[in-house]
Amino acid sequence: MNKQEQAHRLRARLVESVDVELLGVQPEARRIRPSRYGRLHGQHPVVQGHPAVLFESGLESQFLDRAVELVGFESVRAQPVTIHYKIAGSARANRYTPDFLLQIAAPLCLCGVLLQRRSFIEVKPLEVALEAEAQLRQKFSAVRLAIHAAPVLITDADLTMWGLNDV
């Protein structure tokens, strides 16, 4: 099975709900801070007239490169919301902050990835996403409960299909 097929199958599994209890939602609660560990981070210029968008990895920067080229691109924001939740039956509180909120003029399907007019985006290398599948299912369930929107996983395999061959 190739990477695109793996990413597609993973996205299909991520729609399976996990029983979560919503504890709260904070708009723009998390801020990207300079890294002490040498991780790539910076500000993406996006497009003229749009504020620069912060990113935490090279893959996120490449997503931003591609997002601004989408038909009907309107805006993108980093770290748009933090969702506080816990798994049913657990006392441990968790939090999740999607990487981006992407807004486009109309829904769009790119190589099997469905983007709504307003999509919460998580950008991860495919191998990392596969290893973190259980946690992503929890996080995505919390997003669906809190915001009534389906989050979208974008992987390096997707960006390659979208024309970024240097991923």
Foldseek 3Di string as FASTA:
>chain_A
DDLLVLQLVLLVVLVDAFAKFWDDKFFLPDDDDDDPPPADKDWQPQDPPAHTEIDGHPQVNLVSVLQSVDAQWDHKYAQGMKTWMGGPPDPDIDIDTFGMWTAGDAWDAQSNWIDGRTAREHEEASVVCVVCSVVSSHVQNRCCVPPVHGHTYDHPVRSVSSPPVVD
